[in-house]
Protein backbone atom coordinates (compact mmCIF):
# COMPACT_ATOMS: atom_id res chain seq x y z
CA MET A 1 97.50 73.38 46.63
CA LEU A 2 96.24 70.00 47.88
CA LYS A 3 93.06 71.57 49.22
CA ASP A 4 92.46 73.23 45.84
CA ILE A 5 93.04 69.96 43.95
CA ASN A 6 90.67 68.13 46.30
CA GLN A 7 87.90 70.69 45.83
CA ARG A 8 88.40 71.30 42.12
CA PHE A 9 88.59 67.67 41.00
CA GLY A 10 86.74 65.92 43.84
CA LEU A 11 89.73 63.68 44.48
CA THR A 12 90.36 61.93 47.75
CA ILE A 13 93.86 62.67 49.00
CA VAL A 14 95.56 60.63 51.68
CA ILE A 15 98.13 62.55 53.71
CA ILE A 16 100.47 60.97 56.24
CA THR A 17 101.91 63.60 58.56
CA HIS A 18 102.62 64.54 62.15
CA GLU A 19 101.92 68.19 61.27
CA MET A 20 98.63 68.86 62.99
CA GLN A 21 98.40 72.35 61.49
CA VAL A 22 98.23 70.74 58.02
CA ILE A 23 95.47 68.40 59.16
CA LYS A 24 93.61 71.29 60.78
CA GLU A 25 93.66 73.36 57.59
CA ILE A 26 92.93 70.86 54.81
CA CYS A 27 91.61 67.54 56.06
CA ASP A 28 88.02 66.41 56.57
CA ARG A 29 88.75 63.14 58.37
CA VAL A 30 91.72 61.89 60.32
CA ALA A 31 92.98 58.56 61.63
CA VAL A 32 95.61 58.30 64.32
CA ILE A 33 97.87 55.30 63.86
CA GLU A 34 100.05 53.86 66.60
CA ASN A 35 102.17 50.73 66.20
CA GLY A 36 100.42 49.97 62.90
CA LEU A 37 96.91 50.12 64.39
CA ILE A 38 94.26 52.81 64.03
CA ILE A 39 93.66 53.91 67.61
CA GLU A 40 91.21 56.73 66.85
CA GLU A 41 89.48 58.09 63.79
CA GLY A 42 86.75 60.51 62.86
CA SER A 43 86.09 64.00 61.62
CA VAL A 44 88.84 66.53 62.20
CA VAL A 45 86.49 68.63 64.33
CA ASP A 46 85.60 65.68 66.59
CA LEU A 47 89.19 64.61 67.11
CA PHE A 48 90.48 68.12 67.71
CA VAL A 49 87.72 69.03 70.14
CA ARG A 50 87.26 65.65 71.89
CA PRO A 51 90.43 63.57 71.54
CA GLN A 52 90.17 60.26 73.42
CA ALA A 53 93.43 58.34 73.01
CA PRO A 54 96.55 59.61 74.81
CA THR A 55 98.50 59.69 71.52
CA THR A 56 95.77 61.76 69.86
CA LYS A 57 95.73 64.15 72.82
CA GLU A 58 99.49 64.56 72.51
CA PHE A 59 99.25 65.36 68.78
CA ILE A 60 96.34 67.76 69.29
CA ARG A 61 98.14 69.51 72.16
CA THR A 62 100.38 71.19 69.58
CA ILE A 63 97.29 73.02 68.24
CA VAL A 64 94.74 72.97 71.08
CA ASN A 65 95.95 72.71 74.65
CA HIS A 66 93.38 70.89 76.83
CA ASP A 67 95.65 70.92 79.89
CA MET A 68 94.89 72.91 83.00
CA PRO A 69 97.34 75.77 83.53
CA ASP A 70 100.09 75.10 86.06
CA VAL A 71 98.48 77.50 88.52
CA PHE A 72 95.78 74.84 89.13
CA SER A 73 98.15 71.87 89.53
CA GLU A 74 98.17 71.87 93.34
CA ILE A 75 94.44 72.39 93.83
CA GLN A 76 92.48 69.43 95.15
CA PHE A 77 89.23 68.97 93.22
CA SER A 78 86.31 67.11 94.75
CA PRO A 79 83.85 65.09 92.63
CA VAL A 80 81.00 66.20 94.95
CA PRO A 81 79.95 69.65 96.16
CA LEU A 82 81.60 70.92 99.31
CA PRO A 83 80.20 73.66 101.58
CA GLY A 84 81.11 77.02 100.04
CA SER A 85 82.63 75.43 96.93
CA SER A 86 82.44 76.39 93.26
CA LEU A 87 82.14 74.09 90.28
CA MET A 88 84.83 74.18 87.61
CA LEU A 89 83.89 73.13 84.07
CA ARG A 90 85.61 72.96 80.71
CA LEU A 91 83.24 73.74 77.86
CA SER A 92 83.93 72.82 74.24
CA PHE A 93 82.17 74.95 71.66
CA ILE A 94 81.72 73.62 68.13
CA GLY A 95 80.13 75.32 65.14
CA ASP A 96 77.16 77.56 65.86
CA SER A 97 77.51 77.23 69.63
CA ALA A 98 80.83 79.13 69.40
CA ASN A 99 78.87 82.20 68.27
CA GLU A 100 76.17 82.11 70.99
CA PRO A 101 76.26 84.21 74.20
CA ILE A 102 76.29 81.11 76.43
CA ILE A 103 77.95 82.75 79.46
CA ALA A 104 75.59 85.74 79.42
CA GLY A 105 72.68 83.27 79.28
CA LEU A 106 73.96 81.44 82.36
CA ILE A 107 74.23 84.62 84.37
CA ARG A 108 70.84 86.04 83.31
CA ARG A 109 68.81 82.85 83.57
CA PHE A 110 70.17 81.28 86.73
CA ASN A 111 71.45 84.13 88.92
CA ILE A 112 74.86 82.50 89.34
CA ASP A 113 78.35 83.91 89.23
CA VAL A 114 80.46 82.78 86.28
CA ASN A 115 84.19 83.34 86.41
CA ILE A 116 86.05 82.79 83.11
CA LEU A 117 89.40 81.25 84.03
CA PHE A 118 90.86 80.71 80.56
CA GLY A 119 89.94 79.73 77.03
CA ASN A 120 90.58 79.97 73.32
CA ILE A 121 88.74 79.95 70.01
CA ASP A 122 89.99 78.91 66.59
CA HIS A 123 88.69 77.53 63.30
CA LEU A 124 88.95 74.10 61.70
CA LYS A 125 88.38 74.76 58.04
CA ASN A 126 85.23 76.90 58.26
CA THR A 127 84.00 75.57 61.60
CA PRO A 128 84.63 77.67 64.73
CA PHE A 129 85.64 75.73 67.82
CA GLY A 130 86.97 76.61 71.20
CA THR A 131 87.35 75.69 74.83
CA LEU A 132 86.51 77.72 77.88
CA THR A 133 87.21 76.85 81.49
CA ILE A 134 84.81 78.48 83.90
CA GLU A 135 83.95 78.50 87.57
CA LEU A 136 80.29 78.52 88.63
CA SER A 137 79.17 79.58 92.07
CA GLY A 138 75.72 80.05 93.52
CA GLU A 139 72.87 78.01 94.94
CA ASP A 140 73.10 74.23 94.30
CA GLY A 141 69.74 74.17 92.49
CA ALA A 142 70.79 77.06 90.24
CA ILE A 143 74.10 75.33 89.42
CA GLN A 144 72.25 72.12 88.47
CA ALA A 145 69.79 74.10 86.31
CA ALA A 146 72.76 75.81 84.63
CA LEU A 147 74.33 72.42 83.87
CA ASN A 148 71.04 71.25 82.33
CA TYR A 149 70.98 74.44 80.22
CA LEU A 150 74.55 73.82 79.02
CA ASN A 151 73.70 70.20 78.14
CA ALA A 152 70.75 71.40 76.06
CA LYS A 153 73.11 73.69 74.11
CA GLU A 154 74.99 70.66 72.73
CA LEU A 155 78.32 71.75 74.14
CA GLY A 156 81.11 69.46 75.20
CA ILE A 157 81.03 69.62 79.00
CA GLU A 158 83.76 68.27 81.23
CA VAL A 159 83.24 68.58 84.97
CA ILE A 160 86.66 69.25 86.44
CA GLY A 161 85.37 69.22 89.99
CA TYR A 162 84.36 71.27 92.97
CA VAL A 163 86.88 73.44 94.69
CA ALA A 164 86.79 75.53 97.85
CA ARG A 165 86.67 79.20 96.85
CA ASN A 166 89.75 80.09 98.89
CA ALA A 167 91.77 77.23 97.36
CA ARG A 168 91.12 78.42 93.80
CA ALA A 169 91.83 82.03 94.68
CA ALA A 170 95.14 81.01 96.28
CA GLY A 171 96.10 79.17 93.08
């Protein structure tokens, strides 16, 4: 009903809620308030896909879980490549990029192996968004070229780290 009133009459509606599902479905912008101060604000898509403040991350976690699954909790990630290691990334897809064959492009263009570890896709209003955690393995130059390709696609890219292949498989 509120969404209909907003669209029909062009009225701005201010909603105060902890219900992130409500925000996801009807809001355009959101501000997160903690102890009477705005700690983060922006478009709903930006805050849901790239939350910065710990409180925002906690709220968003009820809708979009950005945490690594427990199976990866004991794995030691390195910030630099190790011999025989793979690179783990978390990709955030927003809008049109959620409909592109990004993974197929990586495999075809750069002759690397891409292992999809987990992910999800959803919609915020009419905007598709999702996250995908992947593992890349191959030649160092090909991995770097693949990262450049991903950056050019305007995706959110979080480098989780490098991991020895046997350590990830054991997890």
